[in-house]
PDB file of all heavy atoms in Angstrom:
ATOM      1  N   ALA A   1      73.816 265.242-112.940  1.00  0.00           N
ATOM      2  CA  ALA A   1      72.727 266.026-113.678  1.00  0.00           C
ATOM      3  C   ALA A   1      71.985 265.242-114.749  1.00  0.00           C
ATOM      4  O   ALA A   1      70.748 265.343-114.920  1.00  0.00           O
ATOM      5  CB  ALA A   1      73.427 267.240-114.398  1.00  0.00           C
ATOM      6  N   HIS A   2      72.791 264.351-115.396  1.00  0.00           N
ATOM      7  CA  HIS A   2      72.133 263.425-116.419  1.00  0.00           C
ATOM      8  C   HIS A   2      71.205 262.496-115.674  1.00  0.00           C
ATOM      9  O   HIS A   2      70.057 262.262-116.211  1.00  0.00           O
ATOM     10  CB  HIS A   2      73.243 262.599-117.085  1.00  0.00           C
ATOM     11  CG  HIS A   2      72.685 261.702-118.087  1.00  0.00           C
ATOM     12  ND1 HIS A   2      72.160 261.982-119.272  1.00  0.00           N
ATOM     13  CD2 HIS A   2      72.596 260.280-118.045  1.00  0.00           C
ATOM     14  CE1 HIS A   2      71.764 260.950-119.912  1.00  0.00           C
ATOM     15  NE2 HIS A   2      72.023 259.970-119.231  1.00  0.00           N
ATOM     16  N   ARG A   3      71.470 261.969-114.481  1.00  0.00           N
ATOM     17  CA  ARG A   3      70.651 261.053-113.819  1.00  0.00           C
ATOM     18  C   ARG A   3      69.329 261.746-113.305  1.00  0.00           C
ATOM     19  O   ARG A   3      68.223 261.245-113.401  1.00  0.00           O
ATOM     20  CB  ARG A   3      71.367 260.448-112.536  1.00  0.00           C
ATOM     21  CG  ARG A   3      70.609 259.417-111.823  1.00  0.00           C
ATOM     22  CD  ARG A   3      71.307 258.815-110.680  1.00  0.00           C
ATOM     23  NE  ARG A   3      72.457 258.152-111.164  1.00  0.00           N
ATOM     24  CZ  ARG A   3      73.734 258.409-110.794  1.00  0.00           C
ATOM     25  NH1 ARG A   3      74.008 259.477-110.040  1.00  0.00           N
ATOM     26  NH2 ARG A   3      74.809 257.748-111.265  1.00  0.00           N
ATOM     27  N   ALA A   4      69.501 263.047-112.878  1.00  0.00           N
ATOM     28  CA  ALA A   4      68.319 263.841-112.421  1.00  0.00           C
ATOM     29  C   ALA A   4      67.440 264.128-113.590  1.00  0.00           C
ATOM     30  O   ALA A   4      66.205 263.942-113.468  1.00  0.00           O
ATOM     31  CB  ALA A   4      68.723 265.131-111.810  1.00  0.00           C
ATOM     32  N   SER A   5      67.970 264.420-114.789  1.00  0.00           N
ATOM     33  CA  SER A   5      67.195 264.677-115.982  1.00  0.00           C
ATOM     34  C   SER A   5      66.418 263.339-116.397  1.00  0.00           C
ATOM     35  O   SER A   5      65.236 263.452-116.714  1.00  0.00           O
ATOM     36  CB  SER A   5      68.086 265.059-117.065  1.00  0.00           C
ATOM     37  OG  SER A   5      67.415 265.290-118.359  1.00  0.00           O
ATOM     38  N   ALA A   6      67.085 262.342-116.332  1.00  0.00           N
ATOM     39  CA  ALA A   6      66.378 260.979-116.658  1.00  0.00           C
ATOM     40  C   ALA A   6      65.337 260.588-115.720  1.00  0.00           C
ATOM     41  O   ALA A   6      64.218 260.206-116.088  1.00  0.00           O
ATOM     42  CB  ALA A   6      67.437 259.837-116.734  1.00  0.00           C
ATOM     43  N   ASP A   7      65.609 260.894-114.396  1.00  0.00           N
ATOM     44  CA  ASP A   7      64.553 260.661-113.422  1.00  0.00           C
ATOM     45  C   ASP A   7      63.328 261.531-113.620  1.00  0.00           C
ATOM     46  O   ASP A   7      62.208 261.110-113.515  1.00  0.00           O
ATOM     47  CB  ASP A   7      65.119 260.893-112.068  1.00  0.00           C
ATOM     48  CG  ASP A   7      66.074 259.822-111.625  1.00  0.00           C
ATOM     49  OD1 ASP A   7      66.034 258.657-112.209  1.00  0.00           O
ATOM     50  OD2 ASP A   7      66.779 260.036-110.633  1.00  0.00           O
ATOM     51  N   ARG A   8      63.552 262.746-114.006  1.00  0.00           N
ATOM     52  CA  ARG A   8      62.391 263.690-114.312  1.00  0.00           C
ATOM     53  C   ARG A   8      61.633 263.329-115.578  1.00  0.00           C
ATOM     54  O   ARG A   8      60.374 263.277-115.553  1.00  0.00           O
ATOM     55  CB  ARG A   8      62.904 265.116-114.528  1.00  0.00           C
ATOM     56  CG  ARG A   8      63.299 265.917-113.322  1.00  0.00           C
ATOM     57  CD  ARG A   8      63.425 267.401-113.450  1.00  0.00           C
ATOM     58  NE  ARG A   8      64.555 267.676-114.529  1.00  0.00           N
ATOM     59  CZ  ARG A   8      65.805 267.738-114.179  1.00  0.00           C
ATOM     60  NH1 ARG A   8      66.246 267.554-113.032  1.00  0.00           N
ATOM     61  NH2 ARG A   8      66.700 267.994-115.241  1.00  0.00           N
ATOM     62  N   PHE A   9      62.318 262.878-116.537  1.00  0.00           N
ATOM     63  CA  PHE A   9      61.667 262.335-117.848  1.00  0.00           C
ATOM     64  C   PHE A   9      60.831 261.113-117.415  1.00  0.00           C
ATOM     65  O   PHE A   9      59.722 260.977-117.861  1.00  0.00           O
ATOM     66  CB  PHE A   9      62.742 262.049-118.833  1.00  0.00           C
ATOM     67  CG  PHE A   9      62.074 261.523-120.043  1.00  0.00           C
ATOM     68  CD1 PHE A   9      61.480 262.368-121.014  1.00  0.00           C
ATOM     69  CD2 PHE A   9      62.141 260.147-120.341  1.00  0.00           C
ATOM     70  CE1 PHE A   9      60.896 261.874-122.115  1.00  0.00           C
ATOM     71  CE2 PHE A   9      61.474 259.584-121.515  1.00  0.00           C
ATOM     72  CZ  PHE A   9      60.862 260.467-122.374  1.00  0.00           C
ATOM     73  N   ALA A  10      61.411 260.158-116.648  1.00  0.00           N
ATOM     74  CA  ALA A  10      60.666 258.981-116.274  1.00  0.00           C
ATOM     75  C   ALA A  10      59.448 259.264-115.442  1.00  0.00           C
ATOM     76  O   ALA A  10      58.366 258.747-115.700  1.00  0.00           O
ATOM     77  CB  ALA A  10      61.605 257.968-115.416  1.00  0.00           C
ATOM     78  N   ALA A  11      59.525 260.272-114.535  1.00  0.00           N
ATOM     79  CA  ALA A  11      58.409 260.668-113.712  1.00  0.00           C
ATOM     80  C   ALA A  11      57.241 261.191-114.642  1.00  0.00           C
ATOM     81  O   ALA A  11      56.081 260.968-114.261  1.00  0.00           O
ATOM     82  CB  ALA A  11      58.853 261.668-112.683  1.00  0.00           C
ATOM     83  N   ASN A  12      57.684 261.867-115.707  1.00  0.00           N
ATOM     84  CA  ASN A  12      56.538 262.449-116.608  1.00  0.00           C
ATOM     85  C   ASN A  12      55.970 261.269-117.520  1.00  0.00           C
ATOM     86  O   ASN A  12      54.771 261.449-117.893  1.00  0.00           O
ATOM     87  CB  ASN A  12      57.206 263.504-117.459  1.00  0.00           C
ATOM     88  CG  ASN A  12      57.523 264.778-116.681  1.00  0.00           C
ATOM     89  OD1 ASN A  12      56.865 265.082-115.705  1.00  0.00           O
ATOM     90  ND2 ASN A  12      58.489 265.493-117.228  1.00  0.00           N
ATOM     91  N   ILE A  13      56.711 260.315-117.891  1.00  0.00           N
ATOM     92  CA  ILE A  13      56.262 259.349-118.823  1.00  0.00           C
ATOM     93  C   ILE A  13      55.576 258.162-118.094  1.00  0.00           C
ATOM     94  O   ILE A  13      54.732 257.529-118.656  1.00  0.00           O
ATOM     95  CB  ILE A  13      57.430 258.759-119.706  1.00  0.00           C
ATOM     96  CG1 ILE A  13      58.003 259.877-120.487  1.00  0.00           C
ATOM     97  CG2 ILE A  13      57.059 257.642-120.587  1.00  0.00           C
ATOM     98  CD1 ILE A  13      57.050 260.538-121.459  1.00  0.00           C
ATOM     99  N   LEU A  14      55.927 257.783-116.893  1.00  0.00           N
ATOM    100  CA  LEU A  14      55.406 256.698-116.224  1.00  0.00           C
ATOM    101  C   LEU A  14      53.902 256.718-116.039  1.00  0.00           C
ATOM    102  O   LEU A  14      53.207 255.689-116.268  1.00  0.00           O
ATOM    103  CB  LEU A  14      56.088 256.431-114.787  1.00  0.00           C
ATOM    104  CG  LEU A  14      57.448 255.785-114.963  1.00  0.00           C
ATOM    105  CD1 LEU A  14      58.167 255.844-113.522  1.00  0.00           C
ATOM    106  CD2 LEU A  14      57.403 254.424-115.554  1.00  0.00           C
ATOM    107  N   PRO A  15      53.197 257.840-115.852  1.00  0.00           N
ATOM    108  CA  PRO A  15      51.730 257.864-115.806  1.00  0.00           C
ATOM    109  C   PRO A  15      51.167 257.393-117.161  1.00  0.00           C
ATOM    110  O   PRO A  15      50.110 256.723-117.259  1.00  0.00           O
ATOM    111  CB  PRO A  15      51.410 259.346-115.531  1.00  0.00           C
ATOM    112  CG  PRO A  15      52.602 259.862-114.835  1.00  0.00           C
ATOM    113  CD  PRO A  15      53.719 259.091-115.404  1.00  0.00           C
ATOM    114  N   VAL A  16      51.803 257.820-118.303  1.00  0.00           N
ATOM    115  CA  VAL A  16      51.287 257.403-119.578  1.00  0.00           C
ATOM    116  C   VAL A  16      51.560 255.894-119.796  1.00  0.00           C
ATOM    117  O   VAL A  16      50.581 255.182-120.207  1.00  0.00           O
ATOM    118  CB  VAL A  16      52.127 258.138-120.706  1.00  0.00           C
ATOM    119  CG1 VAL A  16      51.689 257.679-122.147  1.00  0.00           C
ATOM    120  CG2 VAL A  16      51.942 259.680-120.635  1.00  0.00           C
ATOM    121  N   VAL A  17      52.573 255.318-119.253  1.00  0.00           N
ATOM    122  CA  VAL A  17      52.860 253.914-119.376  1.00  0.00           C
ATOM    123  C   VAL A  17      51.816 253.159-118.493  1.00  0.00           C
ATOM    124  O   VAL A  17      51.319 252.117-118.914  1.00  0.00           O
ATOM    125  CB  VAL A  17      54.312 253.593-118.985  1.00  0.00           C
ATOM    126  CG1 VAL A  17      54.506 252.090-118.827  1.00  0.00           C
ATOM    127  CG2 VAL A  17      55.271 254.121-119.950  1.00  0.00           C
ATOM    128  N   ASP A  18      51.514 253.696-117.290  1.00  0.00           N
ATOM    129  CA  ASP A  18      50.530 253.139-116.415  1.00  0.00           C
ATOM    130  C   ASP A  18      49.186 253.028-117.174  1.00  0.00           C
ATOM    131  O   ASP A  18      48.431 252.023-117.017  1.00  0.00           O
ATOM    132  CB  ASP A  18      50.462 253.856-115.071  1.00  0.00           C
ATOM    133  CG  ASP A  18      51.702 253.675-114.213  1.00  0.00           C
ATOM    134  OD1 ASP A  18      52.422 252.713-114.416  1.00  0.00           O
ATOM    135  OD2 ASP A  18      51.956 254.560-113.351  1.00  0.00           O
ATOM    136  N   SER A  19      48.807 254.098-117.884  1.00  0.00           N
ATOM    137  CA  SER A  19      47.498 254.064-118.500  1.00  0.00           C
ATOM    138  C   SER A  19      47.572 253.022-119.672  1.00  0.00           C
ATOM    139  O   SER A  19      46.534 252.375-119.885  1.00  0.00           O
ATOM    140  CB  SER A  19      47.182 255.358-119.026  1.00  0.00           C
ATOM    141  OG  SER A  19      47.975 255.801-120.159  1.00  0.00           O
ATOM    142  N   ILE A  20      48.636 252.894-120.325  1.00  0.00           N
ATOM    143  CA  ILE A  20      48.812 251.875-121.352  1.00  0.00           C
ATOM    144  C   ILE A  20      48.630 250.463-120.716  1.00  0.00           C
ATOM    145  O   ILE A  20      48.001 249.543-121.237  1.00  0.00           O
ATOM    146  CB  ILE A  20      50.102 251.994-122.077  1.00  0.00           C
ATOM    147  CG1 ILE A  20      50.113 253.272-122.915  1.00  0.00           C
ATOM    148  CG2 ILE A  20      50.415 250.782-123.066  1.00  0.00           C
ATOM    149  CD1 ILE A  20      51.397 253.660-123.626  1.00  0.00           C
ATOM    150  N   ARG A  21      49.291 250.234-119.637  1.00  0.00           N
ATOM    151  CA  ARG A  21      49.224 248.947-118.887  1.00  0.00           C
ATOM    152  C   ARG A  21      47.808 248.703-118.450  1.00  0.00           C
ATOM    153  O   ARG A  21      47.296 247.517-118.505  1.00  0.00           O
ATOM    154  CB  ARG A  21      50.242 248.961-117.675  1.00  0.00           C
ATOM    155  CG  ARG A  21      51.654 248.821-118.090  1.00  0.00           C
ATOM    156  CD  ARG A  21      52.382 248.958-116.835  1.00  0.00           C
ATOM    157  NE  ARG A  21      53.524 248.049-116.767  1.00  0.00           N
ATOM    158  CZ  ARG A  21      54.450 248.064-115.892  1.00  0.00           C
ATOM    159  NH1 ARG A  21      54.370 248.888-114.835  1.00  0.00           N
ATOM    160  NH2 ARG A  21      55.532 247.232-115.875  1.00  0.00           N
ATOM    161  N   ALA A  22      47.066 249.793-117.941  1.00  0.00           N
ATOM    162  CA  ALA A  22      45.676 249.570-117.559  1.00  0.00           C
ATOM    163  C   ALA A  22      44.864 249.113-118.689  1.00  0.00           C
ATOM    164  O   ALA A  22      43.737 248.540-118.484  1.00  0.00           O
ATOM    165  CB  ALA A  22      45.127 250.895-116.942  1.00  0.00           C
ATOM    166  N   SER A  23      45.181 249.417-119.930  1.00  0.00           N
ATOM    167  CA  SER A  23      44.329 249.081-121.071  1.00  0.00           C
ATOM    168  C   SER A  23      44.548 247.614-121.452  1.00  0.00           C
ATOM    169  O   SER A  23      43.973 247.129-122.384  1.00  0.00           O
ATOM    170  CB  SER A  23      44.597 250.000-122.236  1.00  0.00           C
ATOM    171  OG  SER A  23      45.875 249.738-122.748  1.00  0.00           O
ATOM    172  N   GLY A  24      45.499 246.917-120.728  1.00  0.00           N
ATOM    173  CA  GLY A  24      45.773 245.518-121.035  1.00  0.00           C
ATOM    174  C   GLY A  24      47.067 245.265-121.745  1.00  0.00           C
ATOM    175  O   GLY A  24      47.306 244.018-122.020  1.00  0.00           O
ATOM    176  N   ILE A  25      47.830 246.219-122.069  1.00  0.00           N
ATOM    177  CA  ILE A  25      49.110 245.925-122.848  1.00  0.00           C
ATOM    178  C   ILE A  25      50.130 245.885-121.626  1.00  0.00           C
ATOM    179  O   ILE A  25      50.350 246.798-120.882  1.00  0.00           O
ATOM    180  CB  ILE A  25      49.360 247.108-123.812  1.00  0.00           C
ATOM    181  CG1 ILE A  25      48.295 247.134-124.890  1.00  0.00           C
ATOM    182  CG2 ILE A  25      50.712 246.859-124.442  1.00  0.00           C
ATOM    183  CD1 ILE A  25      48.486 248.463-125.651  1.00  0.00           C
ATOM    184  N   SER A  26      50.774 244.722-121.703  1.00  0.00           N
ATOM    185  CA  SER A  26      51.829 244.520-120.595  1.00  0.00           C
ATOM    186  C   SER A  26      53.278 244.303-121.120  1.00  0.00           C
ATOM    187  O   SER A  26      54.148 244.452-120.288  1.00  0.00           O
ATOM    188  CB  SER A  26      51.384 243.425-119.721  1.00  0.00           C
ATOM    189  OG  SER A  26      51.269 242.156-120.394  1.00  0.00           O
ATOM    190  N   SER A  27      53.402 243.858-122.320  1.00  0.00           N
ATOM    191  CA  SER A  27      54.790 243.512-122.785  1.00  0.00           C
ATOM    192  C   SER A  27      55.500 244.808-123.106  1.00  0.00           C
ATOM    193  O   SER A  27      54.921 245.925-123.394  1.00  0.00           O
ATOM    194  CB  SER A  27      54.696 242.615-124.041  1.00  0.00           C
ATOM    195  OG  SER A  27      54.301 243.412-125.113  1.00  0.00           O
ATOM    196  N   HIS A  28      56.838 244.672-123.036  1.00  0.00           N
ATOM    197  CA  HIS A  28      57.658 245.956-123.352  1.00  0.00           C
ATOM    198  C   HIS A  28      57.478 246.434-124.706  1.00  0.00           C
ATOM    199  O   HIS A  28      57.338 247.581-125.037  1.00  0.00           O
ATOM    200  CB  HIS A  28      59.099 245.592-123.004  1.00  0.00           C
ATOM    201  CG  HIS A  28      59.374 245.463-121.623  1.00  0.00           C
ATOM    202  ND1 HIS A  28      60.552 244.785-121.088  1.00  0.00           N
ATOM    203  CD2 HIS A  28      58.722 245.816-120.452  1.00  0.00           C
ATOM    204  CE1 HIS A  28      60.492 244.774-119.771  1.00  0.00           C
ATOM    205  NE2 HIS A  28      59.409 245.337-119.371  1.00  0.00           N
ATOM    206  N   ALA A  29      57.421 245.412-125.669  1.00  0.00           N
ATOM    207  CA  ALA A  29      57.225 245.732-127.135  1.00  0.00           C
ATOM    208  C   ALA A  29      55.932 246.340-127.296  1.00  0.00           C
ATOM    209  O   ALA A  29      55.728 247.277-128.133  1.00  0.00           O
ATOM    210  CB  ALA A  29      57.364 244.425-127.903  1.00  0.00           C
ATOM    211  N   GLY A  30      54.840 245.917-126.631  1.00  0.00           N
ATOM    212  CA  GLY A  30      53.509 246.502-126.787  1.00  0.00           C
ATOM    213  C   GLY A  30      53.416 247.838-126.288  1.00  0.00           C
ATOM    214  O   GLY A  30      52.787 248.746-126.880  1.00  0.00           O
ATOM    215  N   ILE A  31      54.059 248.111-125.123  1.00  0.00           N
ATOM    216  CA  ILE A  31      54.080 249.448-124.518  1.00  0.00           C
ATOM    217  C   ILE A  31      54.840 250.422-125.474  1.00  0.00           C
ATOM    218  O   ILE A  31      54.450 251.535-125.733  1.00  0.00           O
ATOM    219  CB  ILE A  31      54.686 249.437-123.089  1.00  0.00           C
ATOM    220  CG1 ILE A  31      53.767 248.630-122.161  1.00  0.00           C
ATOM    221  CG2 ILE A  31      54.936 250.856-122.566  1.00  0.00           C
ATOM    222  CD1 ILE A  31      54.439 248.343-120.854  1.00  0.00           C
ATOM    223  N   ALA A  32      55.945 249.935-126.048  1.00  0.00           N
ATOM    224  CA  ALA A  32      56.729 250.741-126.969  1.00  0.00           C
ATOM    225  C   ALA A  32      55.940 251.124-128.184  1.00  0.00           C
ATOM    226  O   ALA A  32      55.878 252.227-128.632  1.00  0.00           O
ATOM    227  CB  ALA A  32      57.979 249.952-127.346  1.00  0.00           C
ATOM    228  N   ALA A  33      55.170 250.122-128.815  1.00  0.00           N
ATOM    229  CA  ALA A  33      54.282 250.398-129.915  1.00  0.00           C
ATOM    230  C   ALA A  33      53.263 251.372-129.540  1.00  0.00           C
ATOM    231  O   ALA A  33      52.908 252.297-130.311  1.00  0.00           O
ATOM    232  CB  ALA A  33      53.718 249.084-130.404  1.00  0.00           C
ATOM    233  N   ALA A  34      52.652 251.285-128.335  1.00  0.00           N
ATOM    234  CA  ALA A  34      51.557 252.232-127.962  1.00  0.00           C
ATOM    235  C   ALA A  34      52.082 253.620-127.780  1.00  0.00           C
ATOM    236  O   ALA A  34      51.523 254.571-128.101  1.00  0.00           O
ATOM    237  CB  ALA A  34      50.934 251.659-126.608  1.00  0.00           C
ATOM    238  N   LEU A  35      53.343 253.736-127.147  1.00  0.00           N
ATOM    239  CA  LEU A  35      53.929 255.010-126.972  1.00  0.00           C
ATOM    240  C   LEU A  35      54.203 255.667-128.352  1.00  0.00           C
ATOM    241  O   LEU A  35      53.978 256.809-128.593  1.00  0.00           O
ATOM    242  CB  LEU A  35      55.240 254.929-126.181  1.00  0.00           C
ATOM    243  CG  LEU A  35      55.015 254.670-124.651  1.00  0.00           C
ATOM    244  CD1 LEU A  35      56.338 254.391-123.961  1.00  0.00           C
ATOM    245  CD2 LEU A  35      54.419 255.870-123.965  1.00  0.00           C
ATOM    246  N   ASN A  36      54.753 254.844-129.249  1.00  0.00           N
ATOM    247  CA  ASN A  36      55.084 255.350-130.616  1.00  0.00           C
ATOM    248  C   ASN A  36      53.779 255.761-131.329  1.00  0.00           C
ATOM    249  O   ASN A  36      53.688 256.846-132.010  1.00  0.00           O
ATOM    250  CB  ASN A  36      55.828 254.356-131.454  1.00  0.00           C
ATOM    251  CG  ASN A  36      57.247 254.110-130.961  1.00  0.00           C
ATOM    252  OD1 ASN A  36      57.845 255.092-130.450  1.00  0.00           O
ATOM    253  ND2 ASN A  36      57.806 252.949-131.030  1.00  0.00           N
TER     254      ASN A  36
END
C-alpha cells in the first residue's frame, strides 16, 4: 500500500518536474529549489 501510494504521488509530480527540466533546470538541487 505504501509503495502504491508513493507511485501515485510520483505520477502526479513527475509532469511538474518535467516542465522544470524543460525550462533548463537539470540538477536535483535546482529541481528541488524550483518545486519549493
